[in-house]
Amino acid sequence: MAPHRERQIDRHAVGQVSRLQLRARMAVEGYYSGIHKSPYHGFNVEFDQYREYEPGDDLRFVDWRVLARSDRVFIKQFEAETNLSCYVLLDVSKSMDFTTTRESRLDYSAALAAALSLMVLRQGDQVGLVTFDSGVRHFIPPRGNARHFGVLVDSLESIKTGADTDISAVLHEIAERIRRRSLVIVISDFLDDVDRVLKGLQHFRHRRHEVIVLHVLDDAELSFPFDRVTLFEGMERGEQLVLDPKIVADSYRARFSRYLEAIKHGCREKNIDYQRMLLSEPFNAALTAYLARRG
């Protein structure tokens, strides 16, 4: 029997976004890999096959004899070349259950992770999935075959939120486990100490990984639309507090705005690509807009 699934990822929307490209901006390990450049040159490798020229490819690897015979531009590929490895890190802590819309933050983030994974696979690269809360919960190493997407989606559809979060500690742990220079995409609400989170993200940059941060937020967290006395309950530790929103609204919005700016500014300083994702915008539209800006 098929395992019971807690959510159903919209495969049609995932398929639409996955036809776009996610280009690595840094050199990746290996000789040459599809659309990705390598930092290594000048070592001995054996010729393996040709592929058609892509804009931005190094012209040193054009086969000019093939061009003369066929009037088409091909690039030599070599056995030593290695595909881009991408790791999608997904926060599954209890706060990811929060929502004021139809789908939770985790549902939205799982769809984002699925779309990014299929995108990477379709461009001939490898992708893995890491889920975490206060520790690493599931670590699926990068693979590049077609069946791998089914493994990832099964995991994303069945996963449940777990314990409290300790983003910084987990990021440091994962950074130590990823040996090969890679593209690391972190999907989270980042409800943790900002300075510690930024230090965890910096650990990936220190190890020369490229990092993308997708900050998933509910619109109510920004606008704080509550207008009557309300019981607020912490999603991870269960604290309860009765408040008159009219008294605390301005203070809350100011503090939350400072928190968002601190994360965004800290990522920019560390050369980390930061993008805010709001639950009110469909994940496929938000991801398409982000990739268009990223270029």
C-alpha atoms as a PDB file:
ATOM      1  CA  MET A   1       0.000   0.000   0.000  1.00  0.00           C
ATOM      2  CA  ALA A   2       1.099   3.538  -0.726  1.00  0.00           C
ATOM      3  CA  PRO A   3       2.047   5.542   2.358  1.00  0.00           C
ATOM      4  CA  HIS A   4      -0.538   7.956   3.760  1.00  0.00           C
ATOM      5  CA  ARG A   5       0.242  11.503   2.641  1.00  0.00           C
ATOM      6  CA  GLU A   6      -0.421  14.579   4.735  1.00  0.00           C
ATOM      7  CA  ARG A   7      -0.439  16.991   1.786  1.00  0.00           C
ATOM      8  CA  GLN A   8      -0.836  16.893  -1.971  1.00  0.00           C
ATOM      9  CA  ILE A   9       1.677  18.932  -3.916  1.00  0.00           C
ATOM     10  CA  ASP A  10       0.269  20.583  -7.046  1.00  0.00           C
ATOM     11  CA  ARG A  11       2.315  18.786  -9.697  1.00  0.00           C
ATOM     12  CA  HIS A  12       0.930  20.920 -12.519  1.00  0.00           C
ATOM     13  CA  ALA A  13       2.155  24.126 -10.857  1.00  0.00           C
ATOM     14  CA  VAL A  14       5.454  22.455  -9.982  1.00  0.00           C
ATOM     15  CA  GLY A  15       5.912  21.370 -13.607  1.00  0.00           C
ATOM     16  CA  GLN A  16       5.273  24.899 -14.889  1.00  0.00           C
ATOM     17  CA  VAL A  17       7.972  26.465 -12.746  1.00  0.00           C
ATOM     18  CA  SER A  18      10.441  23.644 -13.289  1.00  0.00           C
ATOM     19  CA  ARG A  19      10.807  24.590 -16.957  1.00  0.00           C
ATOM     20  CA  LEU A  20      12.740  27.659 -15.841  1.00  0.00           C
ATOM     21  CA  GLN A  21      16.454  27.560 -15.056  1.00  0.00           C
ATOM     22  CA  LEU A  22      18.262  28.003 -11.776  1.00  0.00           C
ATOM     23  CA  ARG A  23      21.748  29.098 -12.712  1.00  0.00           C
ATOM     24  CA  ALA A  24      24.557  28.928 -10.193  1.00  0.00           C
ATOM     25  CA  ARG A  25      26.357  32.260 -10.030  1.00  0.00           C
ATOM     26  CA  MET A  26      29.576  30.759  -8.711  1.00  0.00           C
ATOM     27  CA  ALA A  27      31.849  28.151 -10.230  1.00  0.00           C
ATOM     28  CA  VAL A  28      30.963  24.611  -9.175  1.00  0.00           C
ATOM     29  CA  GLU A  29      33.194  21.641  -8.694  1.00  0.00           C
ATOM     30  CA  GLY A  30      33.972  19.617 -11.767  1.00  0.00           C
ATOM     31  CA  TYR A  31      35.188  20.471 -15.244  1.00  0.00           C
ATOM     32  CA  TYR A  32      32.085  21.572 -17.092  1.00  0.00           C
ATOM     33  CA  SER A  33      28.474  20.814 -16.299  1.00  0.00           C
ATOM     34  CA  GLY A  34      25.599  21.915 -18.474  1.00  0.00           C
ATOM     35  CA  ILE A  35      25.088  25.621 -17.801  1.00  0.00           C
ATOM     36  CA  HIS A  36      27.563  25.710 -14.905  1.00  0.00           C
ATOM     37  CA  LYS A  37      31.199  26.795 -15.061  1.00  0.00           C
ATOM     38  CA  SER A  38      33.962  25.067 -13.155  1.00  0.00           C
ATOM     39  CA  PRO A  39      36.793  26.601 -11.117  1.00  0.00           C
ATOM     40  CA  TYR A  40      39.231  23.937 -12.354  1.00  0.00           C
ATOM     41  CA  HIS A  41      41.264  24.134 -15.534  1.00  0.00           C
ATOM     42  CA  GLY A  42      44.313  22.463 -17.013  1.00  0.00           C
ATOM     43  CA  PHE A  43      44.094  18.896 -15.749  1.00  0.00           C
ATOM     44  CA  ASN A  44      44.011  15.749 -17.864  1.00  0.00           C
ATOM     45  CA  VAL A  45      40.578  14.375 -18.705  1.00  0.00           C
ATOM     46  CA  GLU A  46      39.203  12.078 -21.382  1.00  0.00           C
ATOM     47  CA  PHE A  47      36.774  13.277 -24.020  1.00  0.00           C
ATOM     48  CA  ASP A  48      33.318  11.797 -23.492  1.00  0.00           C
ATOM     49  CA  GLN A  49      30.705  13.441 -25.726  1.00  0.00           C
ATOM     50  CA  TYR A  50      29.459  16.666 -27.275  1.00  0.00           C
ATOM     51  CA  ARG A  51      26.655  18.967 -26.270  1.00  0.00           C
ATOM     52  CA  GLU A  52      25.273  22.033 -27.999  1.00  0.00           C
ATOM     53  CA  TYR A  53      26.759  25.400 -27.138  1.00  0.00           C
ATOM     54  CA  GLU A  54      25.005  27.452 -24.438  1.00  0.00           C
ATOM     55  CA  PRO A  55      25.515  31.236 -24.134  1.00  0.00           C
ATOM     56  CA  GLY A  56      28.316  31.862 -21.672  1.00  0.00           C
ATOM     57  CA  ASP A  57      30.195  28.608 -22.401  1.00  0.00           C
ATOM     58  CA  ASP A  58      33.965  28.862 -22.599  1.00  0.00           C
ATOM     59  CA  LEU A  59      34.906  29.077 -26.301  1.00  0.00           C
ATOM     60  CA  ARG A  60      38.105  27.117 -25.629  1.00  0.00           C
ATOM     61  CA  PHE A  61      36.008  23.942 -25.598  1.00  0.00           C
ATOM     62  CA  VAL A  62      34.230  24.547 -28.914  1.00  0.00           C
ATOM     63  CA  ASP A  63      34.999  21.828 -31.468  1.00  0.00           C
ATOM     64  CA  TRP A  64      35.834  23.968 -34.492  1.00  0.00           C
ATOM     65  CA  ARG A  65      36.083  20.972 -36.844  1.00  0.00           C
ATOM     66  CA  VAL A  66      32.509  19.976 -36.080  1.00  0.00           C
ATOM     67  CA  LEU A  67      31.462  23.592 -36.609  1.00  0.00           C
ATOM     68  CA  ALA A  68      33.150  23.642 -40.024  1.00  0.00           C
ATOM     69  CA  ARG A  69      31.417  20.404 -41.102  1.00  0.00           C
ATOM     70  CA  SER A  70      27.932  21.035 -39.714  1.00  0.00           C
ATOM     71  CA  ASP A  71      27.664  24.790 -39.204  1.00  0.00           C
ATOM     72  CA  ARG A  72      26.520  24.032 -35.633  1.00  0.00           C
ATOM     73  CA  VAL A  73      28.404  24.888 -32.454  1.00  0.00           C
ATOM     74  CA  PHE A  74      29.178  22.023 -30.059  1.00  0.00           C
ATOM     75  CA  ILE A  75      31.121  21.941 -26.782  1.00  0.00           C
ATOM     76  CA  LYS A  76      33.365  19.050 -25.824  1.00  0.00           C
ATOM     77  CA  GLN A  77      32.396  17.315 -22.592  1.00  0.00           C
ATOM     78  CA  PHE A  78      34.732  15.180 -20.548  1.00  0.00           C
ATOM     79  CA  GLU A  79      34.427  12.184 -18.266  1.00  0.00           C
ATOM     80  CA  ALA A  80      35.792  14.193 -15.346  1.00  0.00           C
ATOM     81  CA  GLU A  81      33.080  16.816 -15.480  1.00  0.00           C
ATOM     82  CA  THR A  82      30.691  16.846 -12.551  1.00  0.00           C
ATOM     83  CA  ASN A  83      27.116  18.093 -12.319  1.00  0.00           C
ATOM     84  CA  LEU A  84      26.079  20.843  -9.989  1.00  0.00           C
ATOM     85  CA  SER A  85      25.015  19.529  -6.604  1.00  0.00           C
ATOM     86  CA  CYS A  86      22.107  21.378  -5.019  1.00  0.00           C
ATOM     87  CA  TYR A  87      20.860  20.869  -1.461  1.00  0.00           C
ATOM     88  CA  VAL A  88      17.369  22.045  -0.505  1.00  0.00           C
ATOM     89  CA  LEU A  89      17.223  22.592   3.269  1.00  0.00           C
ATOM     90  CA  LEU A  90      13.646  22.661   4.562  1.00  0.00           C
ATOM     91  CA  ASP A  91      12.641  23.836   8.036  1.00  0.00           C
ATOM     92  CA  VAL A  92      10.008  21.488   9.507  1.00  0.00           C
ATOM     93  CA  SER A  93       9.865  22.959  13.011  1.00  0.00           C
ATOM     94  CA  LYS A  94       6.496  23.449  14.678  1.00  0.00           C
ATOM     95  CA  SER A  95       6.208  27.123  13.713  1.00  0.00           C
ATOM     96  CA  MET A  96       6.037  26.045  10.056  1.00  0.00           C
ATOM     97  CA  ASP A  97       2.451  24.922  10.787  1.00  0.00           C
ATOM     98  CA  PHE A  98       1.383  28.545  11.149  1.00  0.00           C
ATOM     99  CA  THR A  99      -1.028  30.065   8.635  1.00  0.00           C
ATOM    100  CA  THR A 100      -3.946  32.465   8.306  1.00  0.00           C
ATOM    101  CA  THR A 101      -4.677  31.161   4.791  1.00  0.00           C
ATOM    102  CA  ARG A 102      -5.716  27.795   3.367  1.00  0.00           C
ATOM    103  CA  GLU A 103      -2.258  26.208   3.399  1.00  0.00           C
ATOM    104  CA  SER A 104       0.334  26.152   6.124  1.00  0.00           C
ATOM    105  CA  ARG A 105       3.805  27.536   5.821  1.00  0.00           C
ATOM    106  CA  LEU A 106       5.107  23.968   5.531  1.00  0.00           C
ATOM    107  CA  ASP A 107       2.664  23.088   2.732  1.00  0.00           C
ATOM    108  CA  TYR A 108       3.801  26.154   0.798  1.00  0.00           C
ATOM    109  CA  SER A 109       7.477  25.446   1.469  1.00  0.00           C
ATOM    110  CA  ALA A 110       7.142  21.795   0.428  1.00  0.00           C
ATOM    111  CA  ALA A 111       5.755  22.923  -2.937  1.00  0.00           C
ATOM    112  CA  LEU A 112       8.654  25.358  -3.306  1.00  0.00           C
ATOM    113  CA  ALA A 113      11.111  22.560  -2.539  1.00  0.00           C
ATOM    114  CA  ALA A 114       9.453  20.240  -5.079  1.00  0.00           C
ATOM    115  CA  ALA A 115       9.531  22.877  -7.837  1.00  0.00           C
ATOM    116  CA  LEU A 116      13.171  23.737  -7.204  1.00  0.00           C
ATOM    117  CA  SER A 117      14.125  20.052  -7.125  1.00  0.00           C
ATOM    118  CA  LEU A 118      12.462  19.261 -10.442  1.00  0.00           C
ATOM    119  CA  MET A 119      14.001  22.379 -11.967  1.00  0.00           C
ATOM    120  CA  VAL A 120      17.495  21.254 -10.975  1.00  0.00           C
ATOM    121  CA  LEU A 121      16.901  17.707 -12.249  1.00  0.00           C
ATOM    122  CA  ARG A 122      15.533  18.911 -15.587  1.00  0.00           C
ATOM    123  CA  GLN A 123      18.646  20.964 -16.257  1.00  0.00           C
ATOM    124  CA  GLY A 124      20.788  17.872 -15.782  1.00  0.00           C
ATOM    125  CA  ASP A 125      22.039  18.509 -12.259  1.00  0.00           C
ATOM    126  CA  GLN A 126      21.745  16.732  -8.912  1.00  0.00           C
ATOM    127  CA  VAL A 127      19.552  17.676  -5.970  1.00  0.00           C
ATOM    128  CA  GLY A 128      19.215  16.474  -2.393  1.00  0.00           C
ATOM    129  CA  LEU A 129      16.795  17.269   0.435  1.00  0.00           C
ATOM    130  CA  VAL A 130      17.512  17.953   4.093  1.00  0.00           C
ATOM    131  CA  THR A 131      14.697  18.508   6.609  1.00  0.00           C
ATOM    132  CA  PHE A 132      15.389  19.911  10.061  1.00  0.00           C
ATOM    133  CA  ASP A 133      13.949  21.367  13.253  1.00  0.00           C
ATOM    134  CA  SER A 134      16.216  21.301  16.317  1.00  0.00           C
ATOM    135  CA  GLY A 135      18.299  18.715  14.465  1.00  0.00           C
ATOM    136  CA  VAL A 136      18.585  17.074  11.066  1.00  0.00           C
ATOM    137  CA  ARG A 137      15.504  14.897  10.583  1.00  0.00           C
ATOM    138  CA  HIS A 138      16.008  13.520   7.088  1.00  0.00           C
ATOM    139  CA  PHE A 139      19.017  13.709   4.771  1.00  0.00           C
ATOM    140  CA  ILE A 140      18.513  12.584   1.164  1.00  0.00           C
ATOM    141  CA  PRO A 141      21.816  12.882  -0.740  1.00  0.00           C
ATOM    142  CA  PRO A 142      21.840  14.534  -4.169  1.00  0.00           C
ATOM    143  CA  ARG A 143      20.996  12.331  -7.145  1.00  0.00           C
ATOM    144  CA  GLY A 144      20.370  13.176 -10.779  1.00  0.00           C
ATOM    145  CA  ASN A 145      18.147  10.397 -12.120  1.00  0.00           C
ATOM    146  CA  ALA A 146      14.465  10.691 -13.009  1.00  0.00           C
ATOM    147  CA  ARG A 147      13.270   8.371 -10.229  1.00  0.00           C
ATOM    148  CA  HIS A 148      14.892  10.577  -7.623  1.00  0.00           C
ATOM    149  CA  PHE A 149      12.157  13.198  -7.985  1.00  0.00           C
ATOM    150  CA  GLY A 150       9.570  10.625  -6.873  1.00  0.00           C
ATOM    151  CA  VAL A 151      11.632   9.924  -3.747  1.00  0.00           C
ATOM    152  CA  LEU A 152      11.798  13.635  -2.931  1.00  0.00           C
ATOM    153  CA  VAL A 153       8.083  14.266  -3.504  1.00  0.00           C
ATOM    154  CA  ASP A 154       7.090  11.250  -1.401  1.00  0.00           C
ATOM    155  CA  SER A 155       9.167  12.685   1.430  1.00  0.00           C
ATOM    156  CA  LEU A 156       7.782  16.206   1.000  1.00  0.00           C
ATOM    157  CA  GLU A 157       4.168  15.039   0.921  1.00  0.00           C
ATOM    158  CA  SER A 158       4.442  12.843   4.011  1.00  0.00           C
ATOM    159  CA  ILE A 159       6.559  15.025   6.265  1.00  0.00           C
ATOM    160  CA  LYS A 160       5.106  16.488   9.459  1.00  0.00           C
ATOM    161  CA  THR A 161       6.302  19.349  11.601  1.00  0.00           C
ATOM    162  CA  GLY A 162       8.492  18.367  14.497  1.00  0.00           C
ATOM    163  CA  ALA A 163      10.042  20.069  17.504  1.00  0.00           C
ATOM    164  CA  ASP A 164      11.328  23.526  18.361  1.00  0.00           C
ATOM    165  CA  THR A 165      13.813  25.022  15.966  1.00  0.00           C
ATOM    166  CA  ASP A 166      17.535  25.604  16.382  1.00  0.00           C
ATOM    167  CA  ILE A 167      18.381  26.874  12.922  1.00  0.00           C
ATOM    168  CA  SER A 168      21.907  28.014  13.669  1.00  0.00           C
ATOM    169  CA  ALA A 169      23.092  24.705  15.167  1.00  0.00           C
ATOM    170  CA  VAL A 170      21.552  22.728  12.308  1.00  0.00           C
ATOM    171  CA  LEU A 171      23.085  24.945   9.622  1.00  0.00           C
ATOM    172  CA  HIS A 172      26.534  24.478  11.169  1.00  0.00           C
ATOM    173  CA  GLU A 173      26.009  20.697  11.254  1.00  0.00           C
ATOM    174  CA  ILE A 174      24.885  20.500   7.632  1.00  0.00           C
ATOM    175  CA  ALA A 175      27.693  22.784   6.457  1.00  0.00           C
ATOM    176  CA  GLU A 176      30.184  20.323   7.934  1.00  0.00           C
ATOM    177  CA  ARG A 177      28.490  17.390   6.162  1.00  0.00           C
ATOM    178  CA  ILE A 178      28.482  18.906   2.661  1.00  0.00           C
ATOM    179  CA  ARG A 179      32.016  18.444   1.400  1.00  0.00           C
ATOM    180  CA  ARG A 180      31.689  19.335  -2.255  1.00  0.00           C
ATOM    181  CA  ARG A 181      31.092  22.926  -3.317  1.00  0.00           C
ATOM    182  CA  SER A 182      27.349  23.189  -3.920  1.00  0.00           C
ATOM    183  CA  LEU A 183      24.292  25.380  -4.240  1.00  0.00           C
ATOM    184  CA  VAL A 184      22.445  25.457  -0.903  1.00  0.00           C
ATOM    185  CA  ILE A 185      18.825  26.666  -0.741  1.00  0.00           C
ATOM    186  CA  VAL A 186      17.403  27.251   2.756  1.00  0.00           C
ATOM    187  CA  ILE A 187      13.597  27.456   3.089  1.00  0.00           C
ATOM    188  CA  SER A 188      12.416  28.583   6.526  1.00  0.00           C
ATOM    189  CA  ASP A 189      10.472  31.143   8.555  1.00  0.00           C
ATOM    190  CA  PHE A 190      13.797  31.962  10.288  1.00  0.00           C
ATOM    191  CA  LEU A 191      12.081  32.589  13.609  1.00  0.00           C
ATOM    192  CA  ASP A 192      15.277  32.377  15.607  1.00  0.00           C
ATOM    193  CA  ASP A 193      18.034  34.650  16.832  1.00  0.00           C
ATOM    194  CA  VAL A 194      19.084  36.638  13.751  1.00  0.00           C
ATOM    195  CA  ASP A 195      22.781  36.901  14.591  1.00  0.00           C
ATOM    196  CA  ARG A 196      23.058  33.160  15.199  1.00  0.00           C
ATOM    197  CA  VAL A 197      21.134  32.362  12.004  1.00  0.00           C
ATOM    198  CA  LEU A 198      23.452  34.589   9.969  1.00  0.00           C
ATOM    199  CA  LYS A 199      26.506  32.892  11.473  1.00  0.00           C
ATOM    200  CA  GLY A 200      25.062  29.522  10.429  1.00  0.00           C
ATOM    201  CA  LEU A 201      24.505  30.763   6.884  1.00  0.00           C
ATOM    202  CA  GLN A 202      28.009  32.239   6.831  1.00  0.00           C
ATOM    203  CA  HIS A 203      29.397  28.767   7.548  1.00  0.00           C
ATOM    204  CA  PHE A 204      28.219  27.686   4.076  1.00  0.00           C
ATOM    205  CA  ARG A 205      29.830  30.722   2.470  1.00  0.00           C
ATOM    206  CA  HIS A 206      33.048  29.998   4.371  1.00  0.00           C
ATOM    207  CA  ARG A 207      33.066  26.562   2.751  1.00  0.00           C
ATOM    208  CA  ARG A 208      32.534  28.248  -0.633  1.00  0.00           C
ATOM    209  CA  HIS A 209      28.954  27.140  -1.213  1.00  0.00           C
ATOM    210  CA  GLU A 210      26.500  29.431  -2.952  1.00  0.00           C
ATOM    211  CA  VAL A 211      23.493  30.153  -0.717  1.00  0.00           C
ATOM    212  CA  ILE A 212      19.901  31.144  -1.469  1.00  0.00           C
ATOM    213  CA  VAL A 213      17.540  32.044   1.403  1.00  0.00           C
ATOM    214  CA  LEU A 214      13.782  31.768   0.832  1.00  0.00           C
ATOM    215  CA  HIS A 215      12.071  33.422   3.800  1.00  0.00           C
ATOM    216  CA  VAL A 216       8.483  32.142   4.001  1.00  0.00           C
ATOM    217  CA  LEU A 217       6.066  34.413   5.854  1.00  0.00           C
ATOM    218  CA  ASP A 218       2.352  34.721   6.455  1.00  0.00           C
ATOM    219  CA  ASP A 219       1.055  38.179   5.521  1.00  0.00           C
ATOM    220  CA  ALA A 220      -0.456  38.570   8.990  1.00  0.00           C
ATOM    221  CA  GLU A 221       3.031  38.474  10.479  1.00  0.00           C
ATOM    222  CA  LEU A 222       3.815  41.689   8.635  1.00  0.00           C
ATOM    223  CA  SER A 223       0.497  43.533   8.920  1.00  0.00           C
ATOM    224  CA  PHE A 224      -0.665  42.292  12.358  1.00  0.00           C
ATOM    225  CA  PRO A 225      -4.348  42.754  11.405  1.00  0.00           C
ATOM    226  CA  PHE A 226      -5.867  41.735  14.756  1.00  0.00           C
ATOM    227  CA  ASP A 227      -8.302  44.268  16.246  1.00  0.00           C
ATOM    228  CA  ARG A 228      -9.788  42.667  19.364  1.00  0.00           C
ATOM    229  CA  VAL A 229      -8.471  41.133  22.579  1.00  0.00           C
ATOM    230  CA  THR A 230      -6.900  37.837  21.520  1.00  0.00           C
ATOM    231  CA  LEU A 231      -5.244  34.823  23.089  1.00  0.00           C
ATOM    232  CA  PHE A 232      -1.876  34.299  21.361  1.00  0.00           C
ATOM    233  CA  GLU A 233      -0.129  30.948  21.741  1.00  0.00           C
ATOM    234  CA  GLY A 234       3.473  30.148  20.892  1.00  0.00           C
ATOM    235  CA  MET A 235       3.601  27.369  18.292  1.00  0.00           C
ATOM    236  CA  GLU A 236       6.821  25.791  19.502  1.00  0.00           C
ATOM    237  CA  ARG A 237       6.889  26.242  23.272  1.00  0.00           C
ATOM    238  CA  GLY A 238       3.176  26.692  23.871  1.00  0.00           C
ATOM    239  CA  GLU A 239       3.360  29.994  25.777  1.00  0.00           C
ATOM    240  CA  GLN A 240       0.009  31.787  26.060  1.00  0.00           C
ATOM    241  CA  LEU A 241      -0.567  35.501  26.269  1.00  0.00           C
ATOM    242  CA  VAL A 242      -3.792  37.529  26.218  1.00  0.00           C
ATOM    243  CA  LEU A 243      -3.258  40.882  24.495  1.00  0.00           C
ATOM    244  CA  ASP A 244      -5.178  43.864  23.228  1.00  0.00           C
ATOM    245  CA  PRO A 245      -3.678  44.151  19.713  1.00  0.00           C
ATOM    246  CA  LYS A 246      -4.429  47.873  19.548  1.00  0.00           C
ATOM    247  CA  ILE A 247      -1.950  48.482  22.366  1.00  0.00           C
ATOM    248  CA  VAL A 248       0.944  46.446  20.940  1.00  0.00           C
ATOM    249  CA  ALA A 249       0.366  46.699  17.161  1.00  0.00           C
ATOM    250  CA  ASP A 250       2.683  49.612  16.429  1.00  0.00           C
ATOM    251  CA  SER A 251       5.467  48.229  18.601  1.00  0.00           C
ATOM    252  CA  TYR A 252       5.094  44.759  17.054  1.00  0.00           C
ATOM    253  CA  ARG A 253       5.226  46.062  13.478  1.00  0.00           C
ATOM    254  CA  ALA A 254       8.297  48.169  14.208  1.00  0.00           C
ATOM    255  CA  ARG A 255      10.152  45.262  15.814  1.00  0.00           C
ATOM    256  CA  PHE A 256       9.176  42.826  13.070  1.00  0.00           C
ATOM    257  CA  SER A 257      10.299  45.308  10.431  1.00  0.00           C
ATOM    258  CA  ARG A 258      13.699  45.625  12.149  1.00  0.00           C
ATOM    259  CA  TYR A 259      13.961  41.840  12.311  1.00  0.00           C
ATOM    260  CA  LEU A 260      13.261  41.495   8.570  1.00  0.00           C
ATOM    261  CA  GLU A 261      15.729  44.227   7.691  1.00  0.00           C
ATOM    262  CA  ALA A 262      18.421  42.617   9.869  1.00  0.00           C
ATOM    263  CA  ILE A 263      18.094  39.292   8.032  1.00  0.00           C
ATOM    264  CA  LYS A 264      17.982  40.895   4.600  1.00  0.00           C
ATOM    265  CA  HIS A 265      20.932  43.198   5.293  1.00  0.00           C
ATOM    266  CA  GLY A 266      22.953  40.397   6.893  1.00  0.00           C
ATOM    267  CA  CYS A 267      22.436  38.151   3.878  1.00  0.00           C
ATOM    268  CA  ARG A 268      23.425  40.928   1.506  1.00  0.00           C
ATOM    269  CA  GLU A 269      26.637  41.551   3.453  1.00  0.00           C
ATOM    270  CA  LYS A 270      27.534  37.860   3.221  1.00  0.00           C
ATOM    271  CA  ASN A 271      26.753  37.627  -0.503  1.00  0.00           C
ATOM    272  CA  ILE A 272      23.721  35.432   0.149  1.00  0.00           C
ATOM    273  CA  ASP A 273      20.719  35.721  -2.158  1.00  0.00           C
ATOM    274  CA  TYR A 274      17.680  36.613  -0.003  1.00  0.00           C
ATOM    275  CA  GLN A 275      14.046  36.435  -1.134  1.00  0.00           C
ATOM    276  CA  ARG A 276      10.880  36.892   0.903  1.00  0.00           C
ATOM    277  CA  MET A 277       7.978  34.538   0.039  1.00  0.00           C
ATOM    278  CA  LEU A 278       4.449  35.434   1.204  1.00  0.00           C
ATOM    279  CA  LEU A 279       1.711  32.819   1.574  1.00  0.00           C
ATOM    280  CA  SER A 280      -0.747  35.122  -0.190  1.00  0.00           C
ATOM    281  CA  GLU A 281       1.157  34.744  -3.476  1.00  0.00           C
ATOM    282  CA  PRO A 282       1.005  31.322  -5.196  1.00  0.00           C
ATOM    283  CA  PHE A 283       4.346  29.579  -4.886  1.00  0.00           C
ATOM    284  CA  ASN A 284       4.756  29.146  -8.642  1.00  0.00           C
ATOM    285  CA  ALA A 285       4.157  32.853  -9.318  1.00  0.00           C
ATOM    286  CA  ALA A 286       6.487  33.898  -6.486  1.00  0.00           C
ATOM    287  CA  LEU A 287       9.235  31.538  -7.634  1.00  0.00           C
ATOM    288  CA  THR A 288       8.896  32.599 -11.280  1.00  0.00           C
ATOM    289  CA  ALA A 289       9.172  36.273 -10.314  1.00  0.00           C
ATOM    290  CA  TYR A 290      12.219  35.568  -8.146  1.00  0.00           C
ATOM    291  CA  LEU A 291      14.040  33.641 -10.865  1.00  0.00           C
ATOM    292  CA  ALA A 292      13.299  36.397 -13.385  1.00  0.00           C
ATOM    293  CA  ARG A 293      14.920  38.947 -11.065  1.00  0.00           C
ATOM    294  CA  ARG A 294      17.818  36.632 -10.285  1.00  0.00           C
ATOM    295  CA  GLY A 295      18.528  36.141 -13.997  1.00  0.00           C
END
